């Protein structure tokens, strides 16, 4: 798989993600993860992986954040939190509605929620869910927003940032790629410009 991680890193994103899920077309070649410029945090993305596998990759690649994209339980998260001391993000997929009460069991064992679009794939489906659902978000815990975000969605993201919702950031992927894993630098430059308006 082609990737241009260091070129993307020159844009100084807050985080860069590396996917460790064999069924993903963006599954990362574990041969290496480049040394990133200071200030960029490395995110390891896992889907229902064994705790041993996640811990091994944390040690090997010095991840700052682990993003859990499967059906990991609160007990799983607690064990990982205890054994790793890295920041944990738990992903929940949303389509037409969402029962926010399922978040309660995770409040004490993760650092941020991430809301993605429910689709056939574990991420990378290329379309957004109805963000009005987030008006019912009951927590003060910061969350990330993902799922089909492209340049056309940035005005709506900027509006969300003005609300009382604890939106921490956005996670972008497929709409900023020329092919899986290969980011379009010009589109990313436009993203940085538009987000800072």
N, C-alpha and C. Protein backbone atom coordinates (compact mmCIF):
# COMPACT_ATOMS: atom_id res chain seq x y z
N UNK A 1 0.84 -1.19 0.00
CA UNK A 1 0.00 0.00 0.00
C UNK A 1 0.88 1.25 0.00
N UNK A 2 0.56 2.17 -0.88
CA UNK A 2 1.28 3.44 -0.90
C UNK A 2 0.81 4.31 0.26
N UNK A 3 1.72 5.10 0.78
CA UNK A 3 1.31 6.11 1.77
C UNK A 3 2.30 7.26 1.70
N UNK A 4 1.87 8.41 2.17
CA UNK A 4 2.71 9.61 2.15
C UNK A 4 2.66 10.28 3.52
N UNK A 5 2.92 9.50 4.53
CA UNK A 5 2.79 9.95 5.92
C UNK A 5 3.63 11.18 6.22
N UNK A 6 4.89 11.16 5.78
CA UNK A 6 5.77 12.28 6.12
C UNK A 6 5.33 13.57 5.42
N UNK A 7 4.80 13.44 4.21
CA UNK A 7 4.28 14.62 3.51
C UNK A 7 3.08 15.19 4.25
N UNK A 8 2.20 14.31 4.72
CA UNK A 8 1.05 14.75 5.51
C UNK A 8 1.52 15.41 6.80
N UNK A 9 2.55 14.85 7.41
CA UNK A 9 3.06 15.37 8.68
C UNK A 9 3.58 16.80 8.54
N UNK A 10 4.01 17.19 7.35
CA UNK A 10 4.49 18.56 7.15
C UNK A 10 3.38 19.59 7.36
N UNK A 11 2.12 19.14 7.28
CA UNK A 11 0.99 20.05 7.51
C UNK A 11 0.68 20.21 9.00
N UNK A 12 1.43 19.51 9.84
CA UNK A 12 1.31 19.62 11.30
C UNK A 12 -0.10 19.31 11.83
N UNK A 13 -0.66 18.15 11.47
CA UNK A 13 -1.92 17.77 12.12
C UNK A 13 -1.66 17.47 13.59
N UNK A 14 -2.69 17.51 14.40
CA UNK A 14 -2.52 17.18 15.81
C UNK A 14 -2.26 15.68 15.99
N UNK A 15 -2.89 14.87 15.13
CA UNK A 15 -2.80 13.42 15.25
C UNK A 15 -2.63 12.81 13.86
N UNK A 16 -1.93 11.68 13.81
CA UNK A 16 -1.88 10.86 12.60
C UNK A 16 -2.22 9.43 12.99
N UNK A 17 -3.12 8.80 12.24
CA UNK A 17 -3.58 7.47 12.58
C UNK A 17 -2.95 6.38 11.73
N UNK A 18 -2.74 5.22 12.36
CA UNK A 18 -2.18 4.05 11.68
C UNK A 18 -3.08 2.87 11.99
N UNK A 19 -3.66 2.29 10.93
CA UNK A 19 -4.69 1.26 11.09
C UNK A 19 -4.07 -0.13 11.10
N UNK A 20 -4.39 -0.89 12.14
CA UNK A 20 -3.91 -2.26 12.27
C UNK A 20 -5.12 -3.20 12.27
N UNK A 21 -5.65 -3.40 11.09
CA UNK A 21 -6.82 -4.24 10.91
C UNK A 21 -6.72 -4.85 9.52
N UNK A 22 -6.50 -6.15 9.46
CA UNK A 22 -6.18 -6.80 8.19
C UNK A 22 -7.28 -6.65 7.14
N UNK A 23 -8.52 -6.51 7.57
CA UNK A 23 -9.61 -6.38 6.60
C UNK A 23 -9.73 -4.98 6.01
N UNK A 24 -8.97 -4.03 6.55
CA UNK A 24 -9.02 -2.66 6.04
C UNK A 24 -8.09 -2.50 4.85
N UNK A 25 -8.54 -1.76 3.84
CA UNK A 25 -7.68 -1.47 2.70
C UNK A 25 -6.59 -0.48 3.08
N UNK A 26 -6.68 0.07 4.30
CA UNK A 26 -5.63 0.97 4.79
C UNK A 26 -4.77 0.31 5.87
N UNK A 27 -4.86 -1.03 5.96
CA UNK A 27 -4.06 -1.74 6.96
C UNK A 27 -2.59 -1.37 6.80
N UNK A 28 -1.97 -1.02 7.92
CA UNK A 28 -0.61 -0.46 7.84
C UNK A 28 0.44 -1.55 7.75
N UNK A 29 1.42 -1.31 6.91
CA UNK A 29 2.58 -2.20 6.82
C UNK A 29 3.41 -2.01 8.07
N UNK A 30 3.49 -3.05 8.90
CA UNK A 30 4.12 -2.91 10.20
C UNK A 30 5.64 -2.81 10.13
N UNK A 31 6.20 -2.78 8.94
CA UNK A 31 7.66 -2.72 8.84
C UNK A 31 8.21 -1.48 9.55
N UNK A 32 7.49 -0.39 9.46
CA UNK A 32 7.99 0.82 10.12
C UNK A 32 6.87 1.86 10.23
N UNK A 33 7.03 2.70 11.20
CA UNK A 33 6.25 3.94 11.26
C UNK A 33 7.28 5.04 11.43
N UNK A 34 7.24 5.98 10.53
CA UNK A 34 8.26 7.02 10.51
C UNK A 34 8.28 7.82 11.81
N UNK A 35 9.44 8.37 12.10
CA UNK A 35 9.54 9.31 13.22
C UNK A 35 8.86 10.60 12.78
N UNK A 36 7.84 10.98 13.51
CA UNK A 36 7.05 12.14 13.12
C UNK A 36 7.61 13.41 13.76
N UNK A 37 7.36 14.56 13.14
CA UNK A 37 7.79 15.81 13.76
C UNK A 37 7.19 15.97 15.16
N UNK A 38 7.90 16.67 15.99
CA UNK A 38 7.45 16.88 17.36
C UNK A 38 6.09 17.57 17.38
N UNK A 39 5.23 17.14 18.28
CA UNK A 39 3.92 17.75 18.43
C UNK A 39 2.80 16.98 17.75
N UNK A 40 3.15 16.01 16.89
CA UNK A 40 2.12 15.18 16.25
C UNK A 40 2.01 13.88 17.04
N UNK A 41 0.80 13.57 17.47
CA UNK A 41 0.59 12.35 18.25
C UNK A 41 0.21 11.20 17.32
N UNK A 42 0.75 10.02 17.63
CA UNK A 42 0.48 8.83 16.84
C UNK A 42 -0.70 8.06 17.43
N UNK A 43 -1.65 7.75 16.55
CA UNK A 43 -2.85 7.01 16.95
C UNK A 43 -2.81 5.63 16.32
N UNK A 44 -2.90 4.60 17.14
CA UNK A 44 -3.03 3.24 16.64
C UNK A 44 -4.49 2.85 16.62
N UNK A 45 -4.98 2.40 15.47
CA UNK A 45 -6.39 2.07 15.30
C UNK A 45 -6.54 0.54 15.25
N UNK A 46 -7.38 0.00 16.13
CA UNK A 46 -7.54 -1.44 16.25
C UNK A 46 -9.03 -1.81 16.27
N UNK A 47 -9.33 -3.01 15.78
CA UNK A 47 -10.71 -3.50 15.74
C UNK A 47 -10.76 -4.88 16.39
N UNK A 48 -11.30 -4.94 17.59
CA UNK A 48 -11.46 -6.21 18.29
C UNK A 48 -10.18 -7.04 18.34
N UNK A 49 -9.06 -6.36 18.52
CA UNK A 49 -7.77 -7.04 18.62
C UNK A 49 -7.57 -7.55 20.05
N UNK A 50 -6.71 -8.52 20.20
CA UNK A 50 -6.38 -8.98 21.55
C UNK A 50 -5.62 -7.88 22.28
N UNK A 51 -5.78 -7.84 23.59
CA UNK A 51 -5.06 -6.83 24.37
C UNK A 51 -3.56 -7.00 24.19
N UNK A 52 -3.10 -8.24 24.12
CA UNK A 52 -1.67 -8.50 23.94
C UNK A 52 -1.17 -7.89 22.63
N UNK A 53 -1.96 -8.01 21.56
CA UNK A 53 -1.59 -7.46 20.26
C UNK A 53 -1.51 -5.93 20.33
N UNK A 54 -2.49 -5.31 20.98
CA UNK A 54 -2.48 -3.85 21.11
C UNK A 54 -1.28 -3.39 21.93
N UNK A 55 -1.06 -4.04 23.05
CA UNK A 55 0.07 -3.65 23.91
C UNK A 55 1.40 -3.82 23.20
N UNK A 56 1.53 -4.88 22.42
CA UNK A 56 2.77 -5.11 21.68
C UNK A 56 3.03 -3.97 20.69
N UNK A 57 1.97 -3.51 20.02
CA UNK A 57 2.12 -2.41 19.07
C UNK A 57 2.36 -1.08 19.76
N UNK A 58 1.79 -0.89 20.93
CA UNK A 58 2.07 0.33 21.70
C UNK A 58 3.56 0.38 22.03
N UNK A 59 4.09 -0.73 22.49
CA UNK A 59 5.52 -0.77 22.83
C UNK A 59 6.39 -0.57 21.60
N UNK A 60 6.01 -1.21 20.49
CA UNK A 60 6.84 -1.15 19.29
C UNK A 60 6.84 0.23 18.64
N UNK A 61 5.66 0.88 18.61
CA UNK A 61 5.54 2.12 17.86
C UNK A 61 5.32 3.36 18.73
N UNK A 62 5.30 3.18 20.04
CA UNK A 62 5.18 4.32 20.96
C UNK A 62 3.94 5.17 20.65
N UNK A 63 2.80 4.51 20.54
CA UNK A 63 1.56 5.24 20.28
C UNK A 63 1.20 6.13 21.47
N UNK A 64 0.62 7.29 21.15
CA UNK A 64 0.12 8.21 22.17
C UNK A 64 -1.35 7.93 22.47
N UNK A 65 -2.06 7.44 21.45
CA UNK A 65 -3.51 7.22 21.54
C UNK A 65 -3.83 5.87 20.91
N UNK A 66 -4.79 5.16 21.49
CA UNK A 66 -5.34 3.96 20.88
C UNK A 66 -6.81 4.22 20.59
N UNK A 67 -7.20 4.01 19.32
CA UNK A 67 -8.58 4.16 18.89
C UNK A 67 -9.17 2.78 18.71
N UNK A 68 -10.22 2.48 19.47
CA UNK A 68 -10.85 1.17 19.46
C UNK A 68 -12.09 1.21 18.60
N UNK A 69 -12.06 0.51 17.48
CA UNK A 69 -13.08 0.66 16.46
C UNK A 69 -14.00 -0.55 16.34
N UNK A 70 -13.96 -1.45 17.33
CA UNK A 70 -14.79 -2.64 17.25
C UNK A 70 -15.85 -2.66 18.32
N UNK A 71 -16.10 -3.85 18.87
CA UNK A 71 -17.12 -4.00 19.91
C UNK A 71 -16.46 -4.22 21.27
N UNK A 72 -15.36 -3.55 21.49
CA UNK A 72 -14.62 -3.69 22.75
C UNK A 72 -15.50 -3.29 23.95
N UNK A 73 -15.45 -4.09 25.00
CA UNK A 73 -16.28 -3.86 26.18
C UNK A 73 -15.63 -2.85 27.12
N UNK A 74 -16.41 -2.32 28.07
CA UNK A 74 -15.80 -1.47 29.10
C UNK A 74 -14.69 -2.20 29.87
N UNK A 75 -14.87 -3.50 30.10
CA UNK A 75 -13.86 -4.28 30.82
C UNK A 75 -12.56 -4.36 30.02
N UNK A 76 -12.69 -4.54 28.72
CA UNK A 76 -11.53 -4.54 27.83
C UNK A 76 -10.80 -3.19 27.92
N UNK A 77 -11.58 -2.11 27.84
CA UNK A 77 -10.99 -0.77 27.90
C UNK A 77 -10.28 -0.53 29.22
N UNK A 78 -10.87 -1.01 30.31
CA UNK A 78 -10.26 -0.83 31.62
C UNK A 78 -8.94 -1.56 31.71
N UNK A 79 -8.89 -2.78 31.19
CA UNK A 79 -7.64 -3.53 31.20
C UNK A 79 -6.57 -2.83 30.37
N UNK A 80 -6.96 -2.33 29.22
CA UNK A 80 -6.01 -1.64 28.36
C UNK A 80 -5.55 -0.34 29.00
N UNK A 81 -6.47 0.36 29.63
CA UNK A 81 -6.15 1.60 30.33
C UNK A 81 -5.14 1.34 31.44
N UNK A 82 -5.35 0.27 32.19
CA UNK A 82 -4.48 -0.08 33.32
C UNK A 82 -3.10 -0.49 32.84
N UNK A 83 -3.06 -1.27 31.76
CA UNK A 83 -1.79 -1.85 31.31
C UNK A 83 -0.98 -0.95 30.41
N UNK A 84 -1.59 0.06 29.81
CA UNK A 84 -0.86 0.82 28.79
C UNK A 84 -0.58 2.27 29.15
N UNK A 85 -1.47 2.90 29.89
CA UNK A 85 -1.34 4.33 30.25
C UNK A 85 -1.39 5.27 29.05
N UNK A 86 -1.87 4.79 27.90
CA UNK A 86 -2.04 5.71 26.76
C UNK A 86 -3.47 6.21 26.75
N UNK A 87 -3.71 7.24 25.96
CA UNK A 87 -5.06 7.78 25.84
C UNK A 87 -5.91 6.80 25.01
N UNK A 88 -7.15 6.60 25.43
CA UNK A 88 -8.06 5.68 24.73
C UNK A 88 -9.25 6.43 24.14
N UNK A 89 -9.54 6.14 22.87
CA UNK A 89 -10.73 6.65 22.21
C UNK A 89 -11.59 5.46 21.82
N UNK A 90 -12.87 5.51 22.13
CA UNK A 90 -13.77 4.41 21.77
C UNK A 90 -14.74 4.91 20.70
N UNK A 91 -14.81 4.15 19.62
CA UNK A 91 -15.64 4.52 18.48
C UNK A 91 -17.03 3.91 18.61
N UNK A 92 -18.04 4.73 18.30
CA UNK A 92 -19.42 4.26 18.21
C UNK A 92 -19.97 4.70 16.86
N UNK A 93 -20.62 3.77 16.17
CA UNK A 93 -21.15 4.06 14.85
C UNK A 93 -22.63 4.44 14.93
N UNK A 94 -22.99 5.45 14.15
CA UNK A 94 -24.35 5.99 14.17
C UNK A 94 -24.90 6.02 12.75
N UNK A 95 -26.17 5.66 12.61
CA UNK A 95 -26.83 5.81 11.32
C UNK A 95 -27.99 6.78 11.47
N UNK A 96 -29.18 6.27 11.77
CA UNK A 96 -30.37 7.13 11.85
C UNK A 96 -30.70 7.56 13.27
N UNK A 97 -30.24 6.80 14.25
CA UNK A 97 -30.49 7.14 15.65
C UNK A 97 -29.41 6.46 16.49
N UNK A 98 -29.33 6.84 17.77
CA UNK A 98 -28.31 6.27 18.64
C UNK A 98 -28.78 6.35 20.08
N UNK A 99 -28.57 5.26 20.81
CA UNK A 99 -28.91 5.22 22.23
C UNK A 99 -27.69 5.65 23.04
N UNK A 100 -27.65 6.91 23.43
CA UNK A 100 -26.49 7.44 24.12
C UNK A 100 -26.26 6.82 25.50
N UNK A 101 -27.25 6.10 26.02
CA UNK A 101 -27.06 5.48 27.34
C UNK A 101 -25.96 4.42 27.32
N UNK A 102 -25.63 3.89 26.13
CA UNK A 102 -24.57 2.87 26.07
C UNK A 102 -23.20 3.46 26.41
N UNK A 103 -23.09 4.79 26.37
CA UNK A 103 -21.80 5.43 26.66
C UNK A 103 -21.47 5.43 28.14
N UNK A 104 -22.50 5.33 28.99
CA UNK A 104 -22.28 5.48 30.43
C UNK A 104 -21.23 4.52 30.97
N UNK A 105 -21.28 3.28 30.53
CA UNK A 105 -20.36 2.26 31.04
C UNK A 105 -18.92 2.53 30.64
N UNK A 106 -18.72 3.39 29.65
CA UNK A 106 -17.37 3.68 29.16
C UNK A 106 -16.78 4.97 29.73
N UNK A 107 -17.60 5.77 30.38
CA UNK A 107 -17.17 7.10 30.83
C UNK A 107 -15.87 7.07 31.63
N UNK A 108 -15.74 6.09 32.52
CA UNK A 108 -14.58 6.08 33.42
C UNK A 108 -13.35 5.41 32.81
N UNK A 109 -13.51 4.76 31.65
CA UNK A 109 -12.40 3.95 31.14
C UNK A 109 -11.88 4.40 29.79
N UNK A 110 -12.42 5.47 29.23
CA UNK A 110 -11.86 6.02 27.99
C UNK A 110 -11.70 7.54 28.15
N UNK A 111 -10.92 8.11 27.25
CA UNK A 111 -10.65 9.55 27.32
C UNK A 111 -11.52 10.37 26.38
N UNK A 112 -11.86 9.77 25.23
CA UNK A 112 -12.73 10.46 24.28
C UNK A 112 -13.59 9.43 23.56
N UNK A 113 -14.78 9.86 23.19
CA UNK A 113 -15.60 9.09 22.28
C UNK A 113 -15.31 9.55 20.86
N UNK A 114 -15.56 8.66 19.90
CA UNK A 114 -15.47 9.05 18.50
C UNK A 114 -16.73 8.52 17.82
N UNK A 115 -17.46 9.41 17.17
CA UNK A 115 -18.70 9.04 16.50
C UNK A 115 -18.46 8.98 14.99
N UNK A 116 -18.73 7.79 14.44
CA UNK A 116 -18.50 7.51 13.03
C UNK A 116 -19.82 7.10 12.39
N UNK A 117 -19.82 6.99 11.07
CA UNK A 117 -21.01 6.57 10.35
C UNK A 117 -21.09 5.05 10.31
N UNK A 118 -22.26 4.52 10.65
CA UNK A 118 -22.46 3.08 10.55
C UNK A 118 -22.64 2.71 9.08
N UNK A 119 -21.87 1.72 8.64
CA UNK A 119 -21.96 1.27 7.25
C UNK A 119 -21.41 -0.13 7.12
N UNK A 120 -21.18 -0.55 5.89
CA UNK A 120 -20.69 -1.91 5.65
C UNK A 120 -19.28 -2.11 6.20
N UNK A 121 -18.47 -1.06 6.14
CA UNK A 121 -17.08 -1.16 6.57
C UNK A 121 -16.92 -0.63 7.98
N UNK A 122 -15.79 -1.02 8.62
CA UNK A 122 -15.43 -0.47 9.94
C UNK A 122 -14.70 0.85 9.72
N UNK A 123 -15.44 1.85 9.24
CA UNK A 123 -14.83 3.13 8.88
C UNK A 123 -14.61 3.19 7.38
N UNK A 124 -14.40 4.41 6.89
CA UNK A 124 -14.12 4.59 5.47
C UNK A 124 -15.31 4.35 4.56
N UNK A 125 -16.54 4.56 5.08
CA UNK A 125 -17.72 4.36 4.25
C UNK A 125 -18.01 5.54 3.32
N UNK A 126 -17.45 6.71 3.65
CA UNK A 126 -17.52 7.83 2.72
C UNK A 126 -18.76 8.70 2.81
N UNK A 127 -19.58 8.52 3.84
CA UNK A 127 -20.74 9.41 3.98
C UNK A 127 -20.98 9.69 5.46
N UNK A 128 -21.67 10.79 5.73
CA UNK A 128 -21.88 11.23 7.10
C UNK A 128 -23.20 10.69 7.65
N UNK A 129 -23.29 10.66 8.98
CA UNK A 129 -24.58 10.41 9.61
C UNK A 129 -25.23 11.76 9.90
N UNK A 130 -26.46 11.73 10.37
CA UNK A 130 -27.19 12.97 10.66
C UNK A 130 -26.66 13.57 11.96
N UNK A 131 -25.87 14.62 11.84
CA UNK A 131 -25.22 15.20 13.02
C UNK A 131 -26.20 15.83 14.00
N UNK A 132 -27.44 16.04 13.60
CA UNK A 132 -28.43 16.59 14.54
C UNK A 132 -28.65 15.64 15.71
N UNK A 133 -28.36 14.36 15.51
CA UNK A 133 -28.47 13.37 16.59
C UNK A 133 -27.60 13.77 17.78
N UNK A 134 -26.49 14.45 17.49
CA UNK A 134 -25.55 14.82 18.56
C UNK A 134 -26.13 15.88 19.51
N UNK A 135 -27.23 16.50 19.13
CA UNK A 135 -27.88 17.45 20.04
C UNK A 135 -28.32 16.77 21.32
N UNK A 136 -28.47 15.44 21.28
CA UNK A 136 -28.88 14.68 22.45
C UNK A 136 -27.70 14.10 23.24
N UNK A 137 -26.49 14.48 22.86
CA UNK A 137 -25.31 13.98 23.55
C UNK A 137 -25.36 14.40 25.02
N UNK A 138 -25.34 13.44 25.96
CA UNK A 138 -25.57 13.78 27.37
C UNK A 138 -24.32 14.01 28.20
N UNK A 139 -23.16 13.84 27.60
CA UNK A 139 -21.92 13.82 28.37
C UNK A 139 -21.12 15.11 28.19
N UNK A 140 -20.19 15.33 29.11
CA UNK A 140 -19.22 16.43 28.96
C UNK A 140 -17.89 15.91 28.44
N UNK A 141 -17.80 14.60 28.24
CA UNK A 141 -16.55 14.02 27.74
C UNK A 141 -16.34 14.46 26.29
N UNK A 142 -15.14 14.91 25.95
CA UNK A 142 -14.88 15.35 24.58
C UNK A 142 -15.08 14.21 23.58
N UNK A 143 -15.51 14.58 22.38
CA UNK A 143 -15.65 13.57 21.34
C UNK A 143 -15.05 14.05 20.02
N UNK A 144 -14.67 13.06 19.22
CA UNK A 144 -14.21 13.29 17.86
C UNK A 144 -15.37 12.98 16.92
N UNK A 145 -15.37 13.62 15.77
CA UNK A 145 -16.40 13.40 14.76
C UNK A 145 -15.74 12.83 13.51
N UNK A 146 -16.31 11.75 12.99
CA UNK A 146 -15.74 11.09 11.82
C UNK A 146 -16.86 10.65 10.90
N UNK A 147 -16.49 10.09 9.77
CA UNK A 147 -17.47 9.51 8.87
C UNK A 147 -17.83 10.40 7.69
N UNK A 148 -17.16 10.22 6.58
CA UNK A 148 -17.53 10.91 5.35
C UNK A 148 -17.29 12.41 5.35
N UNK A 149 -16.40 12.89 6.18
CA UNK A 149 -16.15 14.34 6.23
C UNK A 149 -15.22 14.74 5.09
N UNK A 150 -15.72 15.63 4.25
CA UNK A 150 -14.93 16.22 3.18
C UNK A 150 -14.99 17.73 3.28
N UNK A 151 -14.47 18.42 2.29
CA UNK A 151 -14.47 19.89 2.34
C UNK A 151 -15.89 20.45 2.40
N UNK A 152 -16.84 19.76 1.79
CA UNK A 152 -18.22 20.24 1.79
C UNK A 152 -18.87 20.23 3.16
N UNK A 153 -18.33 19.42 4.07
CA UNK A 153 -18.89 19.33 5.42
C UNK A 153 -18.24 20.31 6.41
N UNK A 154 -17.17 20.97 6.01
CA UNK A 154 -16.44 21.81 6.96
C UNK A 154 -17.27 23.00 7.46
N UNK A 155 -18.08 23.66 6.63
CA UNK A 155 -18.92 24.72 7.20
C UNK A 155 -19.82 24.22 8.33
N UNK A 156 -20.38 23.01 8.19
CA UNK A 156 -21.22 22.44 9.25
C UNK A 156 -20.37 22.10 10.48
N UNK A 157 -19.14 21.63 10.28
CA UNK A 157 -18.24 21.37 11.40
C UNK A 157 -17.97 22.67 12.15
N UNK A 158 -17.70 23.73 11.41
CA UNK A 158 -17.42 25.02 12.05
C UNK A 158 -18.63 25.53 12.84
N UNK A 159 -19.83 25.23 12.36
CA UNK A 159 -21.04 25.60 13.11
C UNK A 159 -21.15 24.78 14.39
N UNK A 160 -20.84 23.48 14.32
CA UNK A 160 -20.87 22.62 15.50
C UNK A 160 -19.90 23.11 16.56
N UNK A 161 -18.77 23.63 16.11
CA UNK A 161 -17.76 24.13 17.06
C UNK A 161 -18.28 25.31 17.88
N UNK A 162 -19.29 25.99 17.38
CA UNK A 162 -19.84 27.15 18.09
C UNK A 162 -20.88 26.76 19.13
N UNK A 163 -21.28 25.49 19.15
CA UNK A 163 -22.31 25.04 20.08
C UNK A 163 -21.68 24.67 21.43
N UNK A 164 -22.51 24.21 22.34
CA UNK A 164 -22.04 23.78 23.66
C UNK A 164 -21.51 22.35 23.64
N UNK A 165 -21.63 21.68 22.51
CA UNK A 165 -21.14 20.31 22.43
C UNK A 165 -19.61 20.27 22.59
N UNK A 166 -19.09 19.26 23.32
CA UNK A 166 -17.64 19.20 23.55
C UNK A 166 -16.90 18.53 22.38
N UNK A 167 -17.12 19.08 21.17
CA UNK A 167 -16.43 18.56 19.98
C UNK A 167 -14.95 18.88 20.09
N UNK A 168 -14.14 17.83 20.10
CA UNK A 168 -12.69 18.00 20.26
C UNK A 168 -11.98 18.15 18.92
N UNK A 169 -12.45 17.42 17.93
CA UNK A 169 -11.79 17.48 16.64
C UNK A 169 -12.49 16.58 15.63
N UNK A 170 -11.94 16.54 14.43
CA UNK A 170 -12.50 15.68 13.39
C UNK A 170 -11.43 14.70 12.92
N UNK A 171 -11.93 13.56 12.46
CA UNK A 171 -11.10 12.49 11.94
C UNK A 171 -11.47 12.34 10.47
N UNK A 172 -10.53 12.65 9.58
CA UNK A 172 -10.83 12.60 8.14
C UNK A 172 -10.01 11.50 7.49
N UNK A 173 -10.56 10.99 6.38
CA UNK A 173 -9.86 9.91 5.71
C UNK A 173 -10.22 9.84 4.24
N UNK A 174 -11.27 9.11 3.90
CA UNK A 174 -11.50 8.71 2.51
C UNK A 174 -11.68 9.89 1.54
N UNK A 175 -12.30 10.97 2.00
CA UNK A 175 -12.54 12.09 1.08
C UNK A 175 -11.30 12.96 0.87
N UNK A 176 -10.20 12.57 1.50
CA UNK A 176 -8.94 13.29 1.31
C UNK A 176 -7.85 12.36 0.76
N UNK A 177 -8.29 11.32 0.06
CA UNK A 177 -7.37 10.34 -0.49
C UNK A 177 -7.47 10.26 -2.01
N UNK A 178 -6.33 10.01 -2.65
CA UNK A 178 -6.32 9.66 -4.07
C UNK A 178 -6.53 8.17 -4.25
N UNK A 179 -6.11 7.40 -3.25
CA UNK A 179 -6.37 5.97 -3.15
C UNK A 179 -6.17 5.60 -1.69
N UNK A 180 -6.65 4.43 -1.26
CA UNK A 180 -6.55 4.10 0.16
C UNK A 180 -5.11 4.23 0.69
N UNK A 181 -4.96 5.06 1.71
CA UNK A 181 -3.65 5.27 2.33
C UNK A 181 -2.85 6.41 1.74
N UNK A 182 -3.20 6.87 0.54
CA UNK A 182 -2.44 7.93 -0.13
C UNK A 182 -3.25 9.21 -0.09
N UNK A 183 -2.84 10.15 0.75
CA UNK A 183 -3.61 11.38 0.96
C UNK A 183 -3.32 12.41 -0.12
N UNK A 184 -4.35 13.21 -0.44
CA UNK A 184 -4.22 14.30 -1.39
C UNK A 184 -3.81 15.55 -0.61
N UNK A 185 -2.59 15.96 -0.79
CA UNK A 185 -2.03 17.05 0.02
C UNK A 185 -2.74 18.37 -0.25
N UNK A 186 -3.11 18.64 -1.48
CA UNK A 186 -3.81 19.89 -1.78
C UNK A 186 -5.16 19.96 -1.09
N UNK A 187 -5.88 18.83 -1.06
CA UNK A 187 -7.16 18.81 -0.35
C UNK A 187 -6.95 19.02 1.15
N UNK A 188 -5.90 18.43 1.69
CA UNK A 188 -5.62 18.60 3.12
C UNK A 188 -5.25 20.05 3.44
N UNK A 189 -4.53 20.70 2.54
CA UNK A 189 -4.20 22.12 2.74
C UNK A 189 -5.49 22.95 2.76
N UNK A 190 -6.42 22.62 1.89
CA UNK A 190 -7.71 23.33 1.87
C UNK A 190 -8.46 23.07 3.17
N UNK A 191 -8.37 21.85 3.68
CA UNK A 191 -9.03 21.52 4.95
C UNK A 191 -8.49 22.39 6.08
N UNK A 192 -7.17 22.49 6.17
CA UNK A 192 -6.55 23.29 7.23
C UNK A 192 -7.00 24.74 7.11
N UNK A 193 -7.03 25.25 5.90
CA UNK A 193 -7.46 26.64 5.67
C UNK A 193 -8.91 26.85 6.09
N UNK A 194 -9.79 25.94 5.67
CA UNK A 194 -11.22 26.12 5.92
C UNK A 194 -11.58 25.92 7.38
N UNK A 195 -10.87 25.03 8.07
CA UNK A 195 -11.15 24.80 9.50
C UNK A 195 -10.77 25.99 10.35
N UNK A 196 -9.85 26.77 9.90
CA UNK A 196 -9.37 27.90 10.70
C UNK A 196 -10.09 29.20 10.37
N UNK A 197 -11.17 29.10 9.58
CA UNK A 197 -11.93 30.32 9.25
C UNK A 197 -12.81 30.74 10.40
